[in-house]
Protein backbone atom coordinates (compact mmCIF):
# COMPACT_ATOMS: atom_id res chain seq x y z
CA UNK A 1 -44.11 118.68 69.45
CA UNK A 2 -45.53 115.67 67.57
CA UNK A 3 -49.43 115.93 66.75
CA UNK A 4 -51.66 113.77 68.57
CA UNK A 5 -52.36 111.27 65.26
CA UNK A 6 -48.61 110.35 65.20
CA UNK A 7 -48.20 109.85 69.25
CA UNK A 8 -47.75 106.27 68.47
CA UNK A 9 -46.45 105.50 72.13
CA UNK A 10 -49.54 106.84 73.39
CA UNK A 11 -51.93 104.97 71.70
CA UNK A 12 -50.34 101.70 72.42
CA UNK A 13 -50.77 102.71 76.06
CA UNK A 14 -53.98 103.22 76.23
CA UNK A 15 -55.80 100.52 78.52
CA UNK A 16 -57.31 98.81 75.76
CA UNK A 17 -54.38 98.30 73.34
CA UNK A 18 -51.60 98.35 76.69
CA UNK A 19 -51.84 94.10 76.78
CA UNK A 20 -51.22 93.59 73.40
CA UNK A 21 -48.01 95.61 73.56
CA UNK A 22 -46.87 93.98 76.75
CA UNK A 23 -47.50 90.06 75.56
CA UNK A 24 -45.19 91.10 72.77
CA UNK A 25 -42.72 93.25 75.12
CA UNK A 26 -42.70 90.20 77.37
CA UNK A 27 -42.17 87.66 74.54
CA UNK A 28 -39.64 89.46 73.28
CA UNK A 29 -37.64 89.62 76.24
CA UNK A 30 -38.40 85.88 77.09
CA UNK A 31 -36.81 85.14 73.30
CA UNK A 32 -34.14 87.20 74.01
CA UNK A 33 -33.10 85.13 77.59
CA UNK A 34 -33.76 82.23 75.84
CA UNK A 35 -30.64 83.31 72.98
CA UNK A 36 -28.57 83.85 76.01
CA UNK A 37 -28.90 80.39 77.71
CA UNK A 38 -29.30 78.48 74.35
CA UNK A 39 -32.63 77.39 75.91
CA UNK A 40 -35.67 76.98 73.27
CA UNK A 41 -37.13 80.10 72.03
CA UNK A 42 -41.11 80.55 72.86
CA UNK A 43 -43.20 80.60 70.19
CA UNK A 44 -45.05 84.17 69.47
CA UNK A 45 -48.22 85.41 71.93
CA UNK A 46 -51.72 85.13 70.05
CA UNK A 47 -51.70 88.78 68.84
CA UNK A 48 -52.96 90.73 65.80
CA UNK A 49 -51.81 94.11 64.52
CA UNK A 50 -53.06 96.86 66.80
CA UNK A 51 -53.60 98.45 63.48
CA UNK A 52 -53.93 97.64 59.47
CA UNK A 53 -53.85 99.55 56.71
CA UNK A 54 -56.25 97.26 54.07
CA UNK A 55 -56.29 97.57 50.36
CA UNK A 56 -59.33 96.07 49.21
CA UNK A 57 -58.66 96.31 45.24
CA UNK A 58 -55.64 97.26 43.16
CA UNK A 59 -58.94 98.82 40.42
CA UNK A 60 -58.44 102.46 39.78
CA UNK A 61 -60.43 104.91 37.81
CA UNK A 62 -57.26 107.68 38.08
CA UNK A 63 -54.39 107.17 36.66
CA UNK A 64 -52.24 110.13 39.20
CA UNK A 65 -48.81 111.01 37.84
CA UNK A 66 -47.44 110.84 41.00
CA UNK A 67 -49.18 107.58 42.38
CA UNK A 68 -46.75 105.19 44.36
CA UNK A 69 -48.40 102.21 43.59
CA UNK A 70 -48.52 102.73 39.09
CA UNK A 71 -47.41 99.11 38.64
CA UNK A 72 -49.99 97.51 40.46
CA UNK A 73 -52.98 99.08 39.36
CA UNK A 74 -55.84 97.55 37.54
CA UNK A 75 -54.13 93.74 38.11
CA UNK A 76 -55.63 91.17 38.51
CA UNK A 77 -54.79 90.31 41.83
CA UNK A 78 -58.33 90.06 43.93
CA UNK A 79 -59.08 89.72 47.69
CA UNK A 80 -61.18 86.55 48.34
CA UNK A 81 -64.06 88.72 50.38
CA UNK A 82 -64.86 85.49 52.82
CA UNK A 83 -61.43 84.67 53.60
CA UNK A 84 -61.09 88.55 54.44
CA UNK A 85 -64.25 88.76 56.25
CA UNK A 86 -62.77 85.77 58.17
CA UNK A 87 -59.10 87.47 58.46
CA UNK A 88 -60.56 90.53 60.15
CA UNK A 89 -63.29 88.48 62.39
CA UNK A 90 -60.14 86.46 63.86
CA UNK A 91 -57.93 89.51 63.93
CA UNK A 92 -60.46 91.15 65.75
CA UNK A 93 -60.48 88.74 68.42
CA UNK A 94 -56.83 89.00 68.75
CA UNK A 95 -56.64 92.56 69.53
CA UNK A 96 -57.06 94.53 66.25
CA UNK A 97 -58.35 97.70 66.75
CA UNK A 98 -58.54 99.69 63.80
CA UNK A 99 -58.86 99.77 59.91
CA UNK A 100 -57.65 101.88 57.18
CA UNK A 101 -59.17 101.71 53.92
CA UNK A 102 -56.73 102.43 51.74
CA UNK A 103 -54.05 102.15 48.62
CA UNK A 104 -53.56 99.64 45.97
CA UNK A 105 -56.76 101.09 43.57
CA UNK A 106 -59.80 103.30 45.03
CA UNK A 107 -61.62 101.30 48.12
CA UNK A 108 -64.64 102.45 46.94
CA UNK A 109 -64.43 100.96 43.95
CA UNK A 110 -64.40 97.34 45.99
CA UNK A 111 -67.80 95.55 44.49
CA UNK A 112 -68.18 94.93 48.62
CA UNK A 113 -67.28 98.27 49.55
CA UNK A 114 -71.12 99.25 51.17
CA UNK A 115 -71.23 95.86 52.71
CA UNK A 116 -67.56 94.96 54.03
CA UNK A 117 -67.45 98.28 55.47
CA UNK A 118 -70.59 97.90 57.44
CA UNK A 119 -69.10 94.86 58.43
CA UNK A 120 -65.76 95.97 60.11
CA UNK A 121 -67.93 98.44 62.30
CA UNK A 122 -70.84 95.57 63.24
CA UNK A 123 -66.74 94.16 64.49
CA UNK A 124 -66.51 97.25 66.69
CA UNK A 125 -63.50 98.60 64.59
CA UNK A 126 -62.63 102.25 63.97
CA UNK A 127 -62.38 102.95 60.21
CA UNK A 128 -61.06 105.15 58.14
CA UNK A 129 -61.19 105.57 54.64
CA UNK A 130 -58.46 107.35 52.25
CA UNK A 131 -60.13 108.25 48.51
CA UNK A 132 -60.31 109.69 45.63
CA UNK A 133 -63.06 111.15 46.79
CA UNK A 134 -64.86 109.98 42.77
CA UNK A 135 -67.44 107.88 44.49
CA UNK A 136 -69.38 110.31 46.49
CA UNK A 137 -72.46 108.12 46.83
CA UNK A 138 -70.74 104.69 48.20
CA UNK A 139 -69.08 107.47 50.99
CA UNK A 140 -72.73 108.65 51.33
CA UNK A 141 -74.07 104.90 52.46
CA UNK A 142 -71.58 104.15 55.00
CA UNK A 143 -70.66 107.27 56.33
CA UNK A 144 -74.13 107.22 58.87
CA UNK A 145 -72.57 104.11 60.83
CA UNK A 146 -69.19 106.25 61.34
CA UNK A 147 -68.68 107.56 64.66
CA UNK A 148 -66.21 110.70 65.72
CA UNK A 149 -63.30 108.78 65.85
CA UNK A 150 -63.60 107.33 62.29
CA UNK A 151 -62.72 109.50 59.42
CA UNK A 152 -62.76 109.88 55.67
CA UNK A 153 -59.59 111.77 53.77
CA UNK A 154 -59.68 112.45 50.21
CA UNK A 155 -56.80 112.61 47.97
CA UNK A 156 -57.22 116.02 45.97
CA UNK A 157 -53.30 117.03 45.84
CA UNK A 158 -54.69 120.60 44.13
CA UNK A 159 -56.99 124.05 44.29
CA UNK A 160 -58.11 124.17 40.74
CA UNK A 161 -59.81 121.84 38.46
CA UNK A 162 -56.94 122.16 35.72
CA UNK A 163 -54.02 121.21 37.99
CA UNK A 164 -56.44 118.25 39.52
CA UNK A 165 -56.62 116.84 36.19
CA UNK A 166 -53.75 117.36 35.44
CA UNK A 167 -52.41 115.35 37.91
CA UNK A 168 -54.85 112.69 38.70
CA UNK A 169 -56.08 112.02 35.29
CA UNK A 170 -59.63 110.84 35.85
CA UNK A 171 -60.88 108.66 33.10
CA UNK A 172 -64.20 109.95 33.56
CA UNK A 173 -64.73 114.21 32.58
CA UNK A 174 -67.42 114.23 34.81
CA UNK A 175 -64.94 113.89 37.71
CA UNK A 176 -63.57 117.25 38.61
CA UNK A 177 -62.28 119.02 41.96
CA UNK A 178 -65.85 120.59 41.71
CA UNK A 179 -67.81 117.78 41.76
CA UNK A 180 -66.08 116.30 44.28
CA UNK A 181 -65.79 118.95 46.56
CA UNK A 182 -69.65 119.11 46.25
CA UNK A 183 -70.09 116.15 47.97
CA UNK A 184 -68.91 116.91 51.26
CA UNK A 185 -71.38 119.10 52.41
CA UNK A 186 -74.26 116.40 51.60
CA UNK A 187 -71.63 113.88 53.54
CA UNK A 188 -71.87 115.87 56.62
CA UNK A 189 -75.24 116.59 56.60
CA UNK A 190 -76.12 112.89 56.81
CA UNK A 191 -73.37 112.87 59.84
CA UNK A 192 -71.50 115.32 61.29
CA UNK A 193 -69.47 113.23 63.43
CA UNK A 194 -66.57 111.54 61.39
CA UNK A 195 -63.94 114.14 59.83
CA UNK A 196 -63.24 114.27 56.12
CA UNK A 197 -60.22 115.81 55.52
CA UNK A 198 -58.35 117.34 52.22
CA UNK A 199 -54.92 115.99 51.69
CA UNK A 200 -52.39 117.40 49.92
CA UNK A 201 -49.37 115.86 48.98
CA UNK A 202 -46.98 118.56 48.06
CA UNK A 203 -44.98 118.21 44.90
CA UNK A 204 -41.87 120.01 43.77
CA UNK A 205 -39.67 120.35 40.47
CA UNK A 206 -37.96 117.47 40.07
CA UNK A 207 -39.85 114.98 41.92
CA UNK A 208 -40.46 111.93 39.71
CA UNK A 209 -41.91 108.57 38.86
CA UNK A 210 -39.61 106.44 37.73
CA UNK A 211 -37.69 108.96 35.91
CA UNK A 212 -41.03 110.67 34.84
CA UNK A 213 -41.19 114.39 35.94
CA UNK A 214 -44.31 115.39 38.10
CA UNK A 215 -46.75 118.38 38.51
CA UNK A 216 -45.46 120.39 40.80
CA UNK A 217 -48.40 122.15 42.63
CA UNK A 218 -46.42 124.64 45.73
CA UNK A 219 -48.14 127.50 43.74
CA UNK A 220 -51.78 125.81 44.68
CA UNK A 221 -51.24 125.27 48.06
CA UNK A 222 -53.25 128.06 49.49
CA UNK A 223 -56.11 128.17 46.75
CA UNK A 224 -56.27 124.53 48.42
CA UNK A 225 -57.18 125.23 51.61
CA UNK A 226 -59.17 128.04 50.45
CA UNK A 227 -61.30 125.52 48.77
CA UNK A 228 -60.99 123.18 51.19
CA UNK A 229 -62.70 125.24 54.10
CA UNK A 230 -65.29 126.83 51.27
CA UNK A 231 -66.30 123.16 50.79
CA UNK A 232 -67.10 122.52 54.63
CA UNK A 233 -64.02 119.85 54.82
CA UNK A 234 -62.84 119.69 58.46
CA UNK A 235 -59.36 120.12 57.42
CA UNK A 236 -56.59 120.40 54.85
CA UNK A 237 -53.71 118.01 55.55
CA UNK A 238 -50.12 118.40 53.55
CA UNK A 239 -47.29 116.34 53.53
CA UNK A 240 -44.11 115.72 50.95
CA UNK A 241 -44.33 113.57 47.84
CA UNK A 242 -42.91 110.20 48.41
CA UNK A 243 -40.79 108.14 45.64
CA UNK A 244 -40.24 104.42 45.33
CA UNK A 245 -36.46 103.78 45.31
CA UNK A 246 -35.00 101.01 43.76
CA UNK A 247 -35.13 98.54 46.39
CA UNK A 248 -39.01 99.34 46.64
CA UNK A 249 -38.97 101.79 50.09
CA UNK A 250 -41.03 104.37 49.64
CA UNK A 251 -38.60 107.78 50.46
CA UNK A 252 -38.63 110.82 50.87
CA UNK A 253 -36.04 112.98 48.30
CA UNK A 254 -35.86 116.87 49.10
CA UNK A 255 -32.38 116.24 47.22
CA UNK A 256 -34.06 115.68 43.67
CA UNK A 257 -35.30 119.62 44.27
CA UNK A 258 -32.56 120.49 41.19
CA UNK A 259 -30.35 121.92 43.66
CA UNK A 260 -33.55 124.09 45.33
CA UNK A 261 -34.09 122.15 48.35
CA UNK A 262 -33.72 125.43 50.25
CA UNK A 263 -35.25 127.28 48.03
CA UNK A 264 -37.72 125.10 47.37
CA UNK A 265 -38.30 124.18 51.56
CA UNK A 266 -38.24 128.07 52.15
CA UNK A 267 -41.38 128.47 49.24
CA UNK A 268 -43.41 125.55 50.94
CA UNK A 269 -43.50 127.10 54.83
CA UNK A 270 -44.35 130.29 52.87
CA UNK A 271 -47.47 129.24 51.78
CA UNK A 272 -47.89 126.85 54.18
CA UNK A 273 -47.87 129.37 56.82
CA UNK A 274 -50.42 131.49 54.57
CA UNK A 275 -52.21 128.20 54.69
CA UNK A 276 -52.59 128.08 58.19
CA UNK A 277 -54.09 131.74 58.38
CA UNK A 278 -57.37 130.17 57.24
CA UNK A 279 -57.60 128.01 60.09
CA UNK A 280 -60.10 128.38 63.02
CA UNK A 281 -62.68 126.52 65.56
CA UNK A 282 -64.01 125.00 62.41
CA UNK A 283 -61.35 124.27 60.16
CA UNK A 284 -57.66 123.11 60.99
CA UNK A 285 -54.28 123.49 59.02
CA UNK A 286 -52.34 120.64 59.21
CA UNK A 287 -48.74 119.52 58.24
CA UNK A 288 -47.62 115.91 58.14
CA UNK A 289 -44.34 114.84 60.64
CA UNK A 290 -42.86 114.50 57.54
CA UNK A 291 -43.10 117.55 56.32
CA UNK A 292 -42.28 119.69 59.20
CA UNK A 293 -39.26 117.43 59.43
CA UNK A 294 -38.27 118.65 55.89
CA UNK A 295 -39.04 122.28 56.88
CA UNK A 296 -36.77 121.90 59.76
CA UNK A 297 -34.03 119.90 58.56
CA UNK A 298 -34.64 116.92 61.11
CA UNK A 299 -35.54 114.53 58.26
CA UNK A 300 -32.16 112.61 58.16
CA UNK A 301 -32.56 111.80 61.79
CA UNK A 302 -35.71 109.81 61.57
CA UNK A 303 -33.63 107.56 58.82
CA UNK A 304 -31.67 106.05 61.66
CA UNK A 305 -33.31 103.51 62.53
CA UNK A 306 -33.29 100.58 65.39
CA UNK A 307 -31.89 97.01 63.76
CA UNK A 308 -35.48 95.74 65.23
CA UNK A 309 -38.90 97.11 63.79
CA UNK A 310 -40.91 96.40 66.77
CA UNK A 311 -43.77 98.12 65.12
CA UNK A 312 -43.92 95.25 62.15
CA UNK A 313 -45.63 93.27 64.59
CA UNK A 314 -48.09 95.73 65.85
CA UNK A 315 -49.17 97.52 62.27
CA UNK A 316 -49.88 95.48 59.12
CA UNK A 317 -50.70 95.79 55.53
CA UNK A 318 -52.95 93.51 53.73
CA UNK A 319 -53.21 93.74 50.08
CA UNK A 320 -54.48 91.46 47.04
CA UNK A 321 -51.19 90.23 46.98
CA UNK A 322 -50.15 89.34 50.46
CA UNK A 323 -49.91 90.90 53.90
CA UNK A 324 -46.67 93.30 54.49
CA UNK A 325 -44.49 94.45 57.32
CA UNK A 326 -44.75 98.42 56.59
CA UNK A 327 -46.61 100.80 54.58
CA UNK A 328 -43.35 102.21 53.04
CA UNK A 329 -42.20 98.14 51.74
CA UNK A 330 -45.58 97.59 50.42
CA UNK A 331 -45.28 95.24 47.68
CA UNK A 332 -41.72 94.45 48.45
CA UNK A 333 -40.94 90.66 48.37
CA UNK A 334 -38.54 91.26 51.32
CA UNK A 335 -40.97 92.64 53.30
CA UNK A 336 -43.54 89.95 53.11
CA UNK A 337 -45.65 88.53 56.43
CA UNK A 338 -47.56 86.50 54.16
CA UNK A 339 -49.90 85.80 51.64
CA UNK A 340 -53.06 87.34 51.79
CA UNK A 341 -55.12 84.63 53.40
CA UNK A 342 -52.39 85.03 56.21
CA UNK A 343 -55.30 85.63 58.98
CA UNK A 344 -57.55 83.44 57.41
CA UNK A 345 -57.85 80.90 60.28
CA UNK A 346 -56.54 79.98 63.14
CA UNK A 347 -53.65 77.31 61.20
CA UNK A 348 -53.00 79.90 58.81
CA UNK A 349 -52.79 82.74 61.79
CA UNK A 350 -50.11 80.52 63.34
CA UNK A 351 -47.99 80.52 60.38
CA UNK A 352 -47.95 84.15 60.19
CA UNK A 353 -46.90 84.17 63.82
CA UNK A 354 -44.15 82.52 62.68
CA UNK A 355 -43.65 84.20 60.23
CA UNK A 356 -43.28 87.49 61.49
CA UNK A 357 -41.26 86.46 64.61
CA UNK A 358 -38.82 85.23 61.89
CA UNK A 359 -38.59 88.61 59.80
CA UNK A 360 -38.35 90.61 63.17
CA UNK A 361 -35.15 89.07 62.78
CA UNK A 362 -34.41 88.79 58.96
CA UNK A 363 -35.35 92.38 58.36
CA UNK A 364 -32.49 94.88 59.54
CA UNK A 365 -34.57 98.07 59.42
CA UNK A 366 -31.11 100.05 60.67
CA UNK A 367 -30.11 99.12 56.75
CA UNK A 368 -33.67 98.29 55.08
CA UNK A 369 -35.11 101.82 56.02
CA UNK A 370 -31.92 103.89 56.21
CA UNK A 371 -33.36 106.72 53.57
CA UNK A 372 -37.01 106.18 55.09
CA UNK A 373 -38.29 108.99 56.99
CA UNK A 374 -40.25 106.51 59.11
CA UNK A 375 -43.20 107.81 61.14
CA UNK A 376 -42.61 105.28 63.81
CA UNK A 377 -38.84 106.04 64.45
CA UNK A 378 -39.43 107.45 67.84
CA UNK A 379 -42.26 104.09 68.91
CA UNK A 380 -39.57 101.76 67.61
CA UNK A 381 -36.52 103.21 70.02
CA UNK A 382 -39.50 103.17 72.86
CA UNK A 383 -40.40 99.68 72.80
CA UNK A 384 -36.68 99.29 72.03
CA UNK A 385 -36.18 100.51 75.55
CA UNK A 386 -38.61 98.60 77.08
CA UNK A 387 -37.17 95.44 75.70
CA UNK A 388 -34.11 95.75 76.20
CA UNK A 389 -34.06 97.78 79.71
CA UNK A 390 -34.05 96.02 83.23
CA UNK A 391 -38.07 96.13 84.03
CA UNK A 392 -40.03 96.02 80.02
CA UNK A 393 -43.39 97.02 82.29
CA UNK A 394 -46.05 99.30 79.70
CA UNK A 395 -47.53 101.95 81.84
CA UNK A 396 -50.86 102.85 80.78
CA UNK A 397 -51.96 106.17 79.22
CA UNK A 398 -55.58 107.94 78.91
CA UNK A 399 -57.93 105.86 76.48
CA UNK A 400 -58.65 108.43 73.64
CA UNK A 401 -60.39 105.81 71.45
CA UNK A 402 -57.57 106.53 68.44
CA UNK A 403 -56.05 103.19 67.67
CA UNK A 404 -55.15 104.42 63.96
CA UNK A 405 -51.15 103.60 63.74
């Protein structure tokens, strides 16, 4: 069963979001009709993505061996905060509902992190932070502005201090798993409303980054869950390691488990089941959609994509190097929506609309994403059905206030 956080069609059918989706579908249907009759194609409506990943900085104080963004860390690429605020404000006017501060580098190292996060909340956006947890002091400055639909997730991936330091290689000897976990009760004391999670990327023997072997951590799954519960995290979430293939796409590659795929999957299943025994009314143990597909052997099905990725119009990634169509193709030239200032003013946003329209035709997801275990697989096929079907009308669902895509 699909977890609520990955039920993207339900999120898009919320009454506050459905008009954006309907405008997109009506436009795609009108484009199809124009092409069938040789008429002029209509321009893309003035809509913004419903949800974005936002990389505030490329700076990072870790040197994680398994980092998917290794090549861009601590580069000179930067976002001008004035342009960034202008972009977010315009996107908010056009339907933006949520922002995930994540990736590229460590968001809490952005010089204006506190002020900018507060700015997002002042706009009425839902905000989440994916962090390495090293700057609990900065998280403490913003968590008071969060509500129960916002969240913070710490990428920790280990149960012991020793493995934590081997995997993450923090530049300061003062940063340990113990120290990071000690911040959680302090954050919960300031504001218990937002969820604070412990993220655990499962790495198996044979996984690599640019052919460099990574630290296996299957054996610390239960230890990490015990630590997370003791530290007052609301949940621990397990997901499989992703690797960047030659064309830039982020993919799950269990075949690299040194011909031990079945054995590896069975051991992951055993360890996660033991971790689940720790779950109760105050602490949850989650498996990502990708992990469940790996465990039940259905992961290859989610690599069968429609030709058109509709979600690239509804969910994008804004980074210091540009705007991209998907987290799985972040930083890849063929996935560029526009420059980092793509939404900084109406003129630029109009150009970006044209770029998105062209990308919808040019980016063949059935080919470009053929190895990607796509979280948006189901919702893309659902939207495809609405675009190509007779009716094309979006039936509204319950308003939940969860807009993270």
